[in-house]
Amino acid sequence: MAGWNLWHGCRKVSEGCRRCYVYRQDARWEQDASQVRRTAAFDLPVRRDRTGRYKIPPGQTVYTCFTSDFFIEEADAWRGEAWAMIRERSDCTFLMITKRIDRVAACLPADWGEGWPHVVLCCTCETQERADYRLPIYLSLPLCRREVICEPLLERLDLSRYLAEGRIDSVSCGGESGDDARVCDFDWVLDLRRQCVDAGVAFRFRQTGARLRKEGRIYRIRRQFQHSQARRAGVDFIVEG
């Protein structure tokens, strides 16, 4: 596993962005997180060590652009170089998550075809309104794999009609982090899981968030326990094959 934040900074575009962790972290250093800038790690995937080997070994999953959005407008001038590096490193898997799914079609490389097998492009849906806007676009794109990320999960979602199409491979969800996090209700998690089970789609409860409501009680959960507590819930659904 490797991280590649080739540009940093983002603009908020939907309700899920309201309490963005990048803004929270940058504020500690008195930096403006809305300013998008290319980073010193821009060429990380193609860097080599003294022996000539790639510093990111083959077979790694590279978490791409997690402190920005790969498809943000301010990065249009740099994205061609980024695609070239991703193309070169077809021996790794590049995973990216976007809230700008409506920009993807215009930003794909000319040789994308039906998708590059080593690129996993995930679409986020935090509310029903965003799901109903983004998922039809997402399902229309030429992709080898489709993963829906419902984080932060801000309300009960009905994804059943999209899951029924059989073109979504997995769904994951989780609550919001931070001291002022909004509540995630465990009933919403279970309902989303039920929809996935009914459709035969893999499901993962990735993290509880800082405030989880369960059986009418709100639990405050420290950041270091949010992933482990989600795993302990034992609600993940694995699809074999």
C-alpha atoms as a PDB file:
ATOM      1  CA  MET A   1       0.000   0.000   0.000  1.00  0.00           C
ATOM      2  CA  ALA A   2       1.268   3.449  -0.933  1.00  0.00           C
ATOM      3  CA  GLY A   3      -0.109   6.984  -0.899  1.00  0.00           C
ATOM      4  CA  TRP A   4       0.302   9.379  -3.814  1.00  0.00           C
ATOM      5  CA  ASN A   5      -0.969  12.912  -3.226  1.00  0.00           C
ATOM      6  CA  LEU A   6       0.238  14.452  -6.458  1.00  0.00           C
ATOM      7  CA  TRP A   7      -1.695  17.660  -5.865  1.00  0.00           C
ATOM      8  CA  HIS A   8      -3.120  19.051  -2.654  1.00  0.00           C
ATOM      9  CA  GLY A   9      -6.085  21.250  -1.850  1.00  0.00           C
ATOM     10  CA  CYS A  10      -9.700  21.155  -2.939  1.00  0.00           C
ATOM     11  CA  ARG A  11     -12.916  23.150  -3.185  1.00  0.00           C
ATOM     12  CA  LYS A  12     -16.031  21.998  -1.395  1.00  0.00           C
ATOM     13  CA  VAL A  13     -18.751  20.860  -3.799  1.00  0.00           C
ATOM     14  CA  SER A  14     -21.399  19.055  -1.730  1.00  0.00           C
ATOM     15  CA  GLU A  15     -22.708  18.383   1.757  1.00  0.00           C
ATOM     16  CA  GLY A  16     -20.145  15.653   2.368  1.00  0.00           C
ATOM     17  CA  CYS A  17     -17.388  18.263   2.040  1.00  0.00           C
ATOM     18  CA  ARG A  18     -18.687  20.517   4.809  1.00  0.00           C
ATOM     19  CA  ARG A  19     -16.331  19.177   7.486  1.00  0.00           C
ATOM     20  CA  CYS A  20     -13.542  17.951   5.218  1.00  0.00           C
ATOM     21  CA  TYR A  21     -10.556  16.478   7.063  1.00  0.00           C
ATOM     22  CA  VAL A  22      -8.109  18.159   4.651  1.00  0.00           C
ATOM     23  CA  TYR A  23      -9.461  21.578   5.619  1.00  0.00           C
ATOM     24  CA  ARG A  24      -9.258  20.597   9.277  1.00  0.00           C
ATOM     25  CA  GLN A  25      -5.647  19.453   8.978  1.00  0.00           C
ATOM     26  CA  ASP A  26      -4.515  22.429   6.892  1.00  0.00           C
ATOM     27  CA  ALA A  27      -6.099  24.842   9.363  1.00  0.00           C
ATOM     28  CA  ARG A  28      -3.693  23.590  12.025  1.00  0.00           C
ATOM     29  CA  TRP A  29      -0.841  24.909   9.897  1.00  0.00           C
ATOM     30  CA  GLU A  30      -2.704  28.077   8.892  1.00  0.00           C
ATOM     31  CA  GLN A  31      -2.856  26.909   5.281  1.00  0.00           C
ATOM     32  CA  ASP A  32      -5.698  27.567   2.842  1.00  0.00           C
ATOM     33  CA  ALA A  33      -6.979  24.125   1.819  1.00  0.00           C
ATOM     34  CA  SER A  34      -9.012  25.613  -1.031  1.00  0.00           C
ATOM     35  CA  GLN A  35      -5.811  26.454  -2.942  1.00  0.00           C
ATOM     36  CA  VAL A  36      -4.857  23.572  -5.245  1.00  0.00           C
ATOM     37  CA  ARG A  37      -1.150  23.096  -5.721  1.00  0.00           C
ATOM     38  CA  ARG A  38       1.073  20.467  -7.277  1.00  0.00           C
ATOM     39  CA  THR A  39       3.151  18.679  -4.649  1.00  0.00           C
ATOM     40  CA  ALA A  40       6.755  17.552  -4.407  1.00  0.00           C
ATOM     41  CA  ALA A  41       5.476  13.952  -4.659  1.00  0.00           C
ATOM     42  CA  PHE A  42       4.044  14.539  -8.136  1.00  0.00           C
ATOM     43  CA  ASP A  43       6.277  11.987  -9.883  1.00  0.00           C
ATOM     44  CA  LEU A  44       6.393   9.456  -7.025  1.00  0.00           C
ATOM     45  CA  PRO A  45       5.176   6.392  -8.999  1.00  0.00           C
ATOM     46  CA  VAL A  46       8.026   6.627 -11.502  1.00  0.00           C
ATOM     47  CA  ARG A  47      10.834   7.444  -9.083  1.00  0.00           C
ATOM     48  CA  ARG A  48      13.597   4.858  -8.939  1.00  0.00           C
ATOM     49  CA  ASP A  49      16.182   3.946  -6.335  1.00  0.00           C
ATOM     50  CA  ARG A  50      19.923   3.627  -6.903  1.00  0.00           C
ATOM     51  CA  THR A  51      19.501   0.146  -8.347  1.00  0.00           C
ATOM     52  CA  GLY A  52      17.043   1.398 -10.948  1.00  0.00           C
ATOM     53  CA  ARG A  53      14.017  -0.200  -9.338  1.00  0.00           C
ATOM     54  CA  TYR A  54      10.818   1.692  -8.782  1.00  0.00           C
ATOM     55  CA  LYS A  55      10.544   3.077  -5.262  1.00  0.00           C
ATOM     56  CA  ILE A  56       6.910   1.913  -5.238  1.00  0.00           C
ATOM     57  CA  PRO A  57       7.275  -1.844  -5.839  1.00  0.00           C
ATOM     58  CA  PRO A  58       5.106  -3.710  -8.348  1.00  0.00           C
ATOM     59  CA  GLY A  59       1.867  -5.088  -6.967  1.00  0.00           C
ATOM     60  CA  GLN A  60       1.155  -2.160  -4.661  1.00  0.00           C
ATOM     61  CA  THR A  61      -2.216  -0.475  -4.300  1.00  0.00           C
ATOM     62  CA  VAL A  62      -1.571   3.244  -4.692  1.00  0.00           C
ATOM     63  CA  TYR A  63      -4.121   5.445  -2.912  1.00  0.00           C
ATOM     64  CA  THR A  64      -4.249   8.360  -5.315  1.00  0.00           C
ATOM     65  CA  CYS A  65      -5.044  12.019  -4.602  1.00  0.00           C
ATOM     66  CA  PHE A  66      -6.608  11.588  -1.156  1.00  0.00           C
ATOM     67  CA  THR A  67      -5.910  15.226  -0.154  1.00  0.00           C
ATOM     68  CA  SER A  68      -7.620  16.626  -3.239  1.00  0.00           C
ATOM     69  CA  ASP A  69      -9.772  15.337  -6.110  1.00  0.00           C
ATOM     70  CA  PHE A  70      -8.066  13.832  -9.138  1.00  0.00           C
ATOM     71  CA  PHE A  71     -10.638  15.480 -11.416  1.00  0.00           C
ATOM     72  CA  ILE A  72     -10.625  18.983  -9.932  1.00  0.00           C
ATOM     73  CA  GLU A  73     -10.539  21.735 -12.548  1.00  0.00           C
ATOM     74  CA  GLU A  74      -7.401  23.385 -11.199  1.00  0.00           C
ATOM     75  CA  ALA A  75      -5.403  20.249 -12.021  1.00  0.00           C
ATOM     76  CA  ASP A  76      -6.426  20.013 -15.673  1.00  0.00           C
ATOM     77  CA  ALA A  77      -2.977  21.187 -16.828  1.00  0.00           C
ATOM     78  CA  TRP A  78      -1.212  18.435 -14.837  1.00  0.00           C
ATOM     79  CA  ARG A  79      -3.540  15.479 -15.367  1.00  0.00           C
ATOM     80  CA  GLY A  80      -2.042  14.391 -18.685  1.00  0.00           C
ATOM     81  CA  GLU A  81       1.332  13.818 -17.004  1.00  0.00           C
ATOM     82  CA  ALA A  82      -0.414  11.966 -14.206  1.00  0.00           C
ATOM     83  CA  TRP A  83      -2.165   9.623 -16.632  1.00  0.00           C
ATOM     84  CA  ALA A  84       1.170   8.957 -18.347  1.00  0.00           C
ATOM     85  CA  MET A  85       2.699   7.831 -15.043  1.00  0.00           C
ATOM     86  CA  ILE A  86      -0.333   5.678 -14.251  1.00  0.00           C
ATOM     87  CA  ARG A  87      -0.100   4.127 -17.710  1.00  0.00           C
ATOM     88  CA  GLU A  88       3.597   3.342 -17.152  1.00  0.00           C
ATOM     89  CA  ARG A  89       2.904   1.708 -13.793  1.00  0.00           C
ATOM     90  CA  SER A  90       0.354  -0.851 -14.952  1.00  0.00           C
ATOM     91  CA  ASP A  91       2.024  -3.220 -12.474  1.00  0.00           C
ATOM     92  CA  CYS A  92       0.277  -1.349  -9.618  1.00  0.00           C
ATOM     93  CA  THR A  93      -3.364  -0.666  -8.822  1.00  0.00           C
ATOM     94  CA  PHE A  94      -4.336   3.002  -8.596  1.00  0.00           C
ATOM     95  CA  LEU A  95      -7.375   3.711  -6.438  1.00  0.00           C
ATOM     96  CA  MET A  96      -8.979   7.141  -6.540  1.00  0.00           C
ATOM     97  CA  ILE A  97     -12.202   8.558  -5.097  1.00  0.00           C
ATOM     98  CA  THR A  98     -14.066  11.474  -6.662  1.00  0.00           C
ATOM     99  CA  LYS A  99     -17.024  13.738  -5.970  1.00  0.00           C
ATOM    100  CA  ARG A 100     -16.617  15.190  -9.464  1.00  0.00           C
ATOM    101  CA  ILE A 101     -17.928  12.211 -11.395  1.00  0.00           C
ATOM    102  CA  ASP A 102     -19.514  14.611 -13.908  1.00  0.00           C
ATOM    103  CA  ARG A 103     -16.017  15.679 -15.052  1.00  0.00           C
ATOM    104  CA  VAL A 104     -14.573  12.213 -15.554  1.00  0.00           C
ATOM    105  CA  ALA A 105     -15.632  11.535 -19.161  1.00  0.00           C
ATOM    106  CA  ALA A 106     -13.947  14.726 -20.389  1.00  0.00           C
ATOM    107  CA  CYS A 107     -10.766  14.001 -18.419  1.00  0.00           C
ATOM    108  CA  LEU A 108      -9.996  10.425 -19.468  1.00  0.00           C
ATOM    109  CA  PRO A 109      -6.917   9.704 -21.631  1.00  0.00           C
ATOM    110  CA  ALA A 110      -7.411   9.019 -25.340  1.00  0.00           C
ATOM    111  CA  ASP A 111      -6.457   5.343 -25.007  1.00  0.00           C
ATOM    112  CA  TRP A 112      -8.757   4.649 -22.037  1.00  0.00           C
ATOM    113  CA  GLY A 113     -11.061   2.438 -24.112  1.00  0.00           C
ATOM    114  CA  GLU A 114     -13.372   0.444 -21.828  1.00  0.00           C
ATOM    115  CA  GLY A 115     -11.151   1.252 -18.877  1.00  0.00           C
ATOM    116  CA  TRP A 116      -7.676   0.470 -17.597  1.00  0.00           C
ATOM    117  CA  PRO A 117      -7.784  -2.676 -15.433  1.00  0.00           C
ATOM    118  CA  HIS A 118      -5.278  -1.260 -12.965  1.00  0.00           C
ATOM    119  CA  VAL A 119      -7.336   1.888 -12.190  1.00  0.00           C
ATOM    120  CA  VAL A 120     -10.194   1.708  -9.683  1.00  0.00           C
ATOM    121  CA  LEU A 121     -12.270   4.871  -9.819  1.00  0.00           C
ATOM    122  CA  CYS A 122     -14.684   5.155  -6.890  1.00  0.00           C
ATOM    123  CA  CYS A 123     -17.712   7.427  -6.683  1.00  0.00           C
ATOM    124  CA  THR A 124     -18.865   8.980  -3.400  1.00  0.00           C
ATOM    125  CA  CYS A 125     -22.512   9.356  -2.357  1.00  0.00           C
ATOM    126  CA  GLU A 126     -23.210  10.912   1.027  1.00  0.00           C
ATOM    127  CA  THR A 127     -26.896  11.822   0.589  1.00  0.00           C
ATOM    128  CA  GLN A 128     -29.772  10.542  -1.546  1.00  0.00           C
ATOM    129  CA  GLU A 129     -29.681  13.666  -3.677  1.00  0.00           C
ATOM    130  CA  ARG A 130     -26.004  13.126  -4.499  1.00  0.00           C
ATOM    131  CA  ALA A 131     -26.561   9.412  -5.138  1.00  0.00           C
ATOM    132  CA  ASP A 132     -29.333  10.151  -7.616  1.00  0.00           C
ATOM    133  CA  TYR A 133     -27.175  12.705  -9.400  1.00  0.00           C
ATOM    134  CA  ARG A 134     -23.830  10.918  -9.423  1.00  0.00           C
ATOM    135  CA  LEU A 135     -24.644   7.236  -9.844  1.00  0.00           C
ATOM    136  CA  PRO A 136     -26.378   7.440 -13.252  1.00  0.00           C
ATOM    137  CA  ILE A 137     -23.276   9.263 -14.539  1.00  0.00           C
ATOM    138  CA  TYR A 138     -20.982   6.755 -12.834  1.00  0.00           C
ATOM    139  CA  LEU A 139     -22.805   3.796 -14.375  1.00  0.00           C
ATOM    140  CA  SER A 140     -22.505   5.358 -17.833  1.00  0.00           C
ATOM    141  CA  LEU A 141     -18.699   5.537 -17.697  1.00  0.00           C
ATOM    142  CA  PRO A 142     -16.409   2.892 -19.251  1.00  0.00           C
ATOM    143  CA  LEU A 143     -14.832   1.305 -16.166  1.00  0.00           C
ATOM    144  CA  CYS A 144     -13.453  -2.130 -15.379  1.00  0.00           C
ATOM    145  CA  ARG A 145     -14.635  -1.934 -11.768  1.00  0.00           C
ATOM    146  CA  ARG A 146     -17.125   0.220  -9.870  1.00  0.00           C
ATOM    147  CA  GLU A 147     -16.992   0.894  -6.141  1.00  0.00           C
ATOM    148  CA  VAL A 148     -19.414   3.233  -4.377  1.00  0.00           C
ATOM    149  CA  ILE A 149     -18.181   5.007  -1.234  1.00  0.00           C
ATOM    150  CA  CYS A 150     -20.877   6.327   1.116  1.00  0.00           C
ATOM    151  CA  GLU A 151     -18.664   8.419   3.389  1.00  0.00           C
ATOM    152  CA  PRO A 152     -19.587  10.340   5.337  1.00  0.00           C
ATOM    153  CA  LEU A 153     -22.962   8.598   5.468  1.00  0.00           C
ATOM    154  CA  LEU A 154     -25.285  11.473   6.360  1.00  0.00           C
ATOM    155  CA  GLU A 155     -28.714   9.903   5.925  1.00  0.00           C
ATOM    156  CA  ARG A 156     -30.504   6.703   4.971  1.00  0.00           C
ATOM    157  CA  LEU A 157     -29.769   5.848   1.331  1.00  0.00           C
ATOM    158  CA  ASP A 158     -31.750   3.799  -1.163  1.00  0.00           C
ATOM    159  CA  LEU A 159     -29.309   2.475  -3.769  1.00  0.00           C
ATOM    160  CA  SER A 160     -31.366  -0.578  -4.670  1.00  0.00           C
ATOM    161  CA  ARG A 161     -32.239   0.478  -8.223  1.00  0.00           C
ATOM    162  CA  TYR A 162     -28.583   1.123  -9.012  1.00  0.00           C
ATOM    163  CA  LEU A 163     -27.375  -2.094  -7.390  1.00  0.00           C
ATOM    164  CA  ALA A 164     -29.991  -4.059  -9.355  1.00  0.00           C
ATOM    165  CA  GLU A 165     -28.266  -3.151 -12.613  1.00  0.00           C
ATOM    166  CA  GLY A 166     -25.437  -5.527 -11.676  1.00  0.00           C
ATOM    167  CA  ARG A 167     -22.634  -3.128 -12.563  1.00  0.00           C
ATOM    168  CA  ILE A 168     -21.575  -2.033  -9.080  1.00  0.00           C
ATOM    169  CA  ASP A 169     -18.952  -4.334  -7.573  1.00  0.00           C
ATOM    170  CA  SER A 170     -18.902  -3.090  -4.001  1.00  0.00           C
ATOM    171  CA  VAL A 171     -20.286  -0.512  -1.576  1.00  0.00           C
ATOM    172  CA  SER A 172     -18.566   0.796   1.537  1.00  0.00           C
ATOM    173  CA  CYS A 173     -19.820   3.260   4.104  1.00  0.00           C
ATOM    174  CA  GLY A 174     -18.688   5.062   7.212  1.00  0.00           C
ATOM    175  CA  GLY A 175     -19.347   7.975   9.521  1.00  0.00           C
ATOM    176  CA  GLU A 176     -17.763  11.395   9.699  1.00  0.00           C
ATOM    177  CA  SER A 177     -14.618  12.103  11.725  1.00  0.00           C
ATOM    178  CA  GLY A 178     -13.688  15.198  13.707  1.00  0.00           C
ATOM    179  CA  ASP A 179     -14.847  16.907  16.887  1.00  0.00           C
ATOM    180  CA  ASP A 180     -17.914  18.418  15.170  1.00  0.00           C
ATOM    181  CA  ALA A 181     -18.832  15.288  13.190  1.00  0.00           C
ATOM    182  CA  ARG A 182     -22.435  14.714  12.220  1.00  0.00           C
ATOM    183  CA  VAL A 183     -24.161  11.585  13.488  1.00  0.00           C
ATOM    184  CA  CYS A 184     -24.085   8.322  11.549  1.00  0.00           C
ATOM    185  CA  ASP A 185     -26.976   6.000  12.418  1.00  0.00           C
ATOM    186  CA  PHE A 186     -26.197   2.280  12.561  1.00  0.00           C
ATOM    187  CA  ASP A 187     -29.667   1.554  11.163  1.00  0.00           C
ATOM    188  CA  TRP A 188     -28.635   3.362   7.963  1.00  0.00           C
ATOM    189  CA  VAL A 189     -25.586   1.096   7.772  1.00  0.00           C
ATOM    190  CA  LEU A 190     -27.655  -2.050   8.223  1.00  0.00           C
ATOM    191  CA  ASP A 191     -30.206  -0.948   5.639  1.00  0.00           C
ATOM    192  CA  LEU A 192     -27.456  -0.301   3.092  1.00  0.00           C
ATOM    193  CA  ARG A 193     -26.008  -3.709   3.887  1.00  0.00           C
ATOM    194  CA  ARG A 194     -29.416  -5.344   3.319  1.00  0.00           C
ATOM    195  CA  GLN A 195     -29.670  -3.726  -0.113  1.00  0.00           C
ATOM    196  CA  CYS A 196     -26.211  -5.039  -1.023  1.00  0.00           C
ATOM    197  CA  VAL A 197     -26.963  -8.561   0.204  1.00  0.00           C
ATOM    198  CA  ASP A 198     -30.216  -8.605  -1.793  1.00  0.00           C
ATOM    199  CA  ALA A 199     -28.312  -7.552  -4.925  1.00  0.00           C
ATOM    200  CA  GLY A 200     -25.295  -9.808  -4.311  1.00  0.00           C
ATOM    201  CA  VAL A 201     -22.940  -6.826  -4.034  1.00  0.00           C
ATOM    202  CA  ALA A 202     -20.019  -6.762  -1.592  1.00  0.00           C
ATOM    203  CA  PHE A 203     -20.451  -4.451   1.393  1.00  0.00           C
ATOM    204  CA  ARG A 204     -18.044  -3.017   3.945  1.00  0.00           C
ATOM    205  CA  PHE A 205     -18.654  -0.900   7.038  1.00  0.00           C
ATOM    206  CA  ARG A 206     -15.342   0.940   6.950  1.00  0.00           C
ATOM    207  CA  GLN A 207     -15.493   3.218   9.976  1.00  0.00           C
ATOM    208  CA  THR A 208     -17.975   4.331  12.611  1.00  0.00           C
ATOM    209  CA  GLY A 209     -17.169   8.012  12.507  1.00  0.00           C
ATOM    210  CA  ALA A 210     -16.855  10.084  15.668  1.00  0.00           C
ATOM    211  CA  ARG A 211     -20.568   9.954  16.556  1.00  0.00           C
ATOM    212  CA  LEU A 212     -22.481   6.721  15.988  1.00  0.00           C
ATOM    213  CA  ARG A 213     -26.139   6.329  16.916  1.00  0.00           C
ATOM    214  CA  LYS A 214     -27.169   2.781  17.775  1.00  0.00           C
ATOM    215  CA  GLU A 215     -30.487   1.764  19.321  1.00  0.00           C
ATOM    216  CA  GLY A 216     -31.269   5.378  20.145  1.00  0.00           C
ATOM    217  CA  ARG A 217     -27.991   6.090  21.919  1.00  0.00           C
ATOM    218  CA  ILE A 218     -25.189   8.233  20.487  1.00  0.00           C
ATOM    219  CA  TYR A 219     -21.679   6.892  21.079  1.00  0.00           C
ATOM    220  CA  ARG A 220     -18.636   9.148  20.805  1.00  0.00           C
ATOM    221  CA  ILE A 221     -15.766   7.128  19.373  1.00  0.00           C
ATOM    222  CA  ARG A 222     -12.152   8.254  19.291  1.00  0.00           C
ATOM    223  CA  ARG A 223     -10.427   8.422  15.918  1.00  0.00           C
ATOM    224  CA  GLN A 224      -8.047   5.547  16.669  1.00  0.00           C
ATOM    225  CA  PHE A 225     -10.965   3.183  17.337  1.00  0.00           C
ATOM    226  CA  GLN A 226     -13.319   4.103  14.501  1.00  0.00           C
ATOM    227  CA  HIS A 227     -12.043   1.491  12.037  1.00  0.00           C
ATOM    228  CA  SER A 228     -11.660  -1.308  14.577  1.00  0.00           C
ATOM    229  CA  GLN A 229     -15.114  -0.709  16.052  1.00  0.00           C
ATOM    230  CA  ALA A 230     -16.630  -0.917  12.574  1.00  0.00           C
ATOM    231  CA  ARG A 231     -14.885  -4.255  12.000  1.00  0.00           C
ATOM    232  CA  ARG A 232     -16.126  -5.531  15.356  1.00  0.00           C
ATOM    233  CA  ALA A 233     -19.695  -4.895  14.238  1.00  0.00           C
ATOM    234  CA  GLY A 234     -19.255  -7.903  11.935  1.00  0.00           C
ATOM    235  CA  VAL A 235     -21.583  -6.654   9.194  1.00  0.00           C
ATOM    236  CA  ASP A 236     -19.267  -6.814   6.176  1.00  0.00           C
ATOM    237  CA  PHE A 237     -20.620  -8.898   3.291  1.00  0.00           C
ATOM    238  CA  ILE A 238     -18.111 -10.711   1.086  1.00  0.00           C
ATOM    239  CA  VAL A 239     -18.967 -11.917  -2.392  1.00  0.00           C
ATOM    240  CA  GLU A 240     -16.899 -14.901  -3.472  1.00  0.00           C
ATOM    241  CA  GLY A 241     -15.384 -15.111  -6.920  1.00  0.00           C
END
